[in-house]
Amino acid sequence: MRHLHLRPGNRMHLAPGRLRDLLTEARQREAFIVCHQTLPHYGQPEAKPAICRGFADRYRTQSLQLIERLFGFVEVDPPQSAEHRPTAGS
């Protein structure tokens, strides 16, 4: 399973308290948060879903422990935005 770094700020333009609610829910469900940069509607449809690195670094949920034991993690760089992607021939 892949995971990326959590970045500071409100990059998803969430309502006040929404991130806290998402973190609480994921922890209660013993799950994880998917990196916002790998969500299909974020503008990176070719990006593969990845676990949020910031979440994985801070919380040791049952799901994360199981994934780590069975498959391990692969560190990946965040997908590049359209304005930072190389164009053909460059």
C-alpha atoms as a PDB file:
ATOM      1  CA  MET A   1       0.000   0.000   0.000  1.00  0.00           C
ATOM      2  CA  ARG A   2       1.264   3.498  -0.782  1.00  0.00           C
ATOM      3  CA  HIS A   3       1.317   6.539   1.446  1.00  0.00           C
ATOM      4  CA  LEU A   4       2.153  10.219   1.062  1.00  0.00           C
ATOM      5  CA  HIS A   5       3.013  13.116   3.351  1.00  0.00           C
ATOM      6  CA  LEU A   6       0.320  15.151   5.087  1.00  0.00           C
ATOM      7  CA  ARG A   7       0.658  18.803   4.207  1.00  0.00           C
ATOM      8  CA  PRO A   8      -0.278  21.723   6.450  1.00  0.00           C
ATOM      9  CA  GLY A   9      -3.238  23.936   5.707  1.00  0.00           C
ATOM     10  CA  ASN A  10      -6.761  23.305   4.502  1.00  0.00           C
ATOM     11  CA  ARG A  11      -5.994  22.094   0.975  1.00  0.00           C
ATOM     12  CA  MET A  12      -9.386  20.435   0.561  1.00  0.00           C
ATOM     13  CA  HIS A  13     -11.248  23.566   1.687  1.00  0.00           C
ATOM     14  CA  LEU A  14     -13.047  21.622   4.400  1.00  0.00           C
ATOM     15  CA  ALA A  15     -15.586  23.245   6.681  1.00  0.00           C
ATOM     16  CA  PRO A  16     -14.276  24.123  10.141  1.00  0.00           C
ATOM     17  CA  GLY A  17     -14.015  20.970  12.259  1.00  0.00           C
ATOM     18  CA  ARG A  18     -14.475  18.597   9.307  1.00  0.00           C
ATOM     19  CA  LEU A  19     -10.885  17.329   9.340  1.00  0.00           C
ATOM     20  CA  ARG A  20     -11.167  16.616  13.056  1.00  0.00           C
ATOM     21  CA  ASP A  21     -14.393  14.680  12.352  1.00  0.00           C
ATOM     22  CA  LEU A  22     -12.722  12.660   9.578  1.00  0.00           C
ATOM     23  CA  LEU A  23      -9.766  11.811  11.814  1.00  0.00           C
ATOM     24  CA  THR A  24     -12.054  10.808  14.686  1.00  0.00           C
ATOM     25  CA  GLU A  25     -14.170   8.603  12.438  1.00  0.00           C
ATOM     26  CA  ALA A  26     -11.150   6.886  10.875  1.00  0.00           C
ATOM     27  CA  ARG A  27      -9.650   6.209  14.293  1.00  0.00           C
ATOM     28  CA  GLN A  28     -12.931   4.888  15.706  1.00  0.00           C
ATOM     29  CA  ARG A  29     -13.325   2.563  12.717  1.00  0.00           C
ATOM     30  CA  GLU A  30      -9.651   1.486  13.030  1.00  0.00           C
ATOM     31  CA  ALA A  31      -9.241   2.586   9.414  1.00  0.00           C
ATOM     32  CA  PHE A  32      -7.154   5.274   7.673  1.00  0.00           C
ATOM     33  CA  ILE A  33      -7.436   8.466   5.632  1.00  0.00           C
ATOM     34  CA  VAL A  34      -6.742   8.515   1.894  1.00  0.00           C
ATOM     35  CA  CYS A  35      -4.381  11.254   0.712  1.00  0.00           C
ATOM     36  CA  HIS A  36      -6.376  14.154  -0.724  1.00  0.00           C
ATOM     37  CA  GLN A  37      -3.998  14.416  -3.692  1.00  0.00           C
ATOM     38  CA  THR A  38      -4.875  10.900  -4.810  1.00  0.00           C
ATOM     39  CA  LEU A  39      -8.652  11.336  -4.741  1.00  0.00           C
ATOM     40  CA  PRO A  40     -10.039  11.144  -8.314  1.00  0.00           C
ATOM     41  CA  HIS A  41     -11.911  14.451  -8.089  1.00  0.00           C
ATOM     42  CA  TYR A  42      -8.783  16.325  -6.964  1.00  0.00           C
ATOM     43  CA  GLY A  43      -7.600  16.652 -10.558  1.00  0.00           C
ATOM     44  CA  GLN A  44      -5.182  13.720 -10.630  1.00  0.00           C
ATOM     45  CA  PRO A  45      -7.297  10.906 -12.153  1.00  0.00           C
ATOM     46  CA  GLU A  46      -4.186   8.897 -13.070  1.00  0.00           C
ATOM     47  CA  ALA A  47      -2.925   8.879  -9.461  1.00  0.00           C
ATOM     48  CA  LYS A  48      -3.329   5.638  -7.540  1.00  0.00           C
ATOM     49  CA  PRO A  49      -5.040   5.952  -4.122  1.00  0.00           C
ATOM     50  CA  ALA A  50      -2.560   6.338  -1.290  1.00  0.00           C
ATOM     51  CA  ILE A  51      -2.776   6.385   2.486  1.00  0.00           C
ATOM     52  CA  CYS A  52      -2.236   9.803   4.014  1.00  0.00           C
ATOM     53  CA  ARG A  53       1.295   9.814   5.392  1.00  0.00           C
ATOM     54  CA  GLY A  54       0.429  12.291   8.131  1.00  0.00           C
ATOM     55  CA  PHE A  55      -2.330  10.006   9.383  1.00  0.00           C
ATOM     56  CA  ALA A  56      -0.138   6.895   9.188  1.00  0.00           C
ATOM     57  CA  ASP A  57       2.668   8.655  11.066  1.00  0.00           C
ATOM     58  CA  ARG A  58       0.375   9.746  13.895  1.00  0.00           C
ATOM     59  CA  TYR A  59      -2.032   6.838  14.331  1.00  0.00           C
ATOM     60  CA  ARG A  60      -1.507   3.079  14.500  1.00  0.00           C
ATOM     61  CA  THR A  61      -4.960   1.797  13.603  1.00  0.00           C
ATOM     62  CA  GLN A  62      -5.748  -1.865  13.204  1.00  0.00           C
ATOM     63  CA  SER A  63      -6.077  -1.474   9.417  1.00  0.00           C
ATOM     64  CA  LEU A  64      -2.668   0.177   9.107  1.00  0.00           C
ATOM     65  CA  GLN A  65      -1.004  -2.464  11.256  1.00  0.00           C
ATOM     66  CA  LEU A  66      -2.554  -5.234   9.182  1.00  0.00           C
ATOM     67  CA  ILE A  67      -1.564  -3.641   5.863  1.00  0.00           C
ATOM     68  CA  GLU A  68       1.977  -3.123   7.119  1.00  0.00           C
ATOM     69  CA  ARG A  69       2.334  -6.729   8.280  1.00  0.00           C
ATOM     70  CA  LEU A  70       0.830  -8.283   5.166  1.00  0.00           C
ATOM     71  CA  PHE A  71       2.106  -6.021   2.405  1.00  0.00           C
ATOM     72  CA  GLY A  72       4.352  -3.295   3.779  1.00  0.00           C
ATOM     73  CA  PHE A  73       4.297   0.282   2.573  1.00  0.00           C
ATOM     74  CA  VAL A  74       5.898   1.943  -0.419  1.00  0.00           C
ATOM     75  CA  GLU A  75       6.877   5.604  -0.104  1.00  0.00           C
ATOM     76  CA  VAL A  76       5.716   7.652  -3.105  1.00  0.00           C
ATOM     77  CA  ASP A  77       5.960  11.303  -4.047  1.00  0.00           C
ATOM     78  CA  PRO A  78       2.729  13.288  -4.323  1.00  0.00           C
ATOM     79  CA  PRO A  79       1.305  13.476  -7.845  1.00  0.00           C
ATOM     80  CA  GLN A  80       2.341  16.596  -9.739  1.00  0.00           C
ATOM     81  CA  SER A  81      -0.293  19.181 -10.508  1.00  0.00           C
ATOM     82  CA  ALA A  82      -1.007  19.939 -14.169  1.00  0.00           C
ATOM     83  CA  GLU A  83       1.096  23.117 -14.126  1.00  0.00           C
ATOM     84  CA  HIS A  84       4.130  21.183 -12.814  1.00  0.00           C
ATOM     85  CA  ARG A  85       3.917  18.149 -15.094  1.00  0.00           C
ATOM     86  CA  PRO A  86       6.503  17.873 -17.877  1.00  0.00           C
ATOM     87  CA  THR A  87       5.038  18.230 -21.340  1.00  0.00           C
ATOM     88  CA  ALA A  88       5.835  15.982 -24.288  1.00  0.00           C
ATOM     89  CA  GLY A  89       9.285  16.713 -25.600  1.00  0.00           C
ATOM     90  CA  SER A  90      10.584  18.434 -22.451  1.00  0.00           C
END
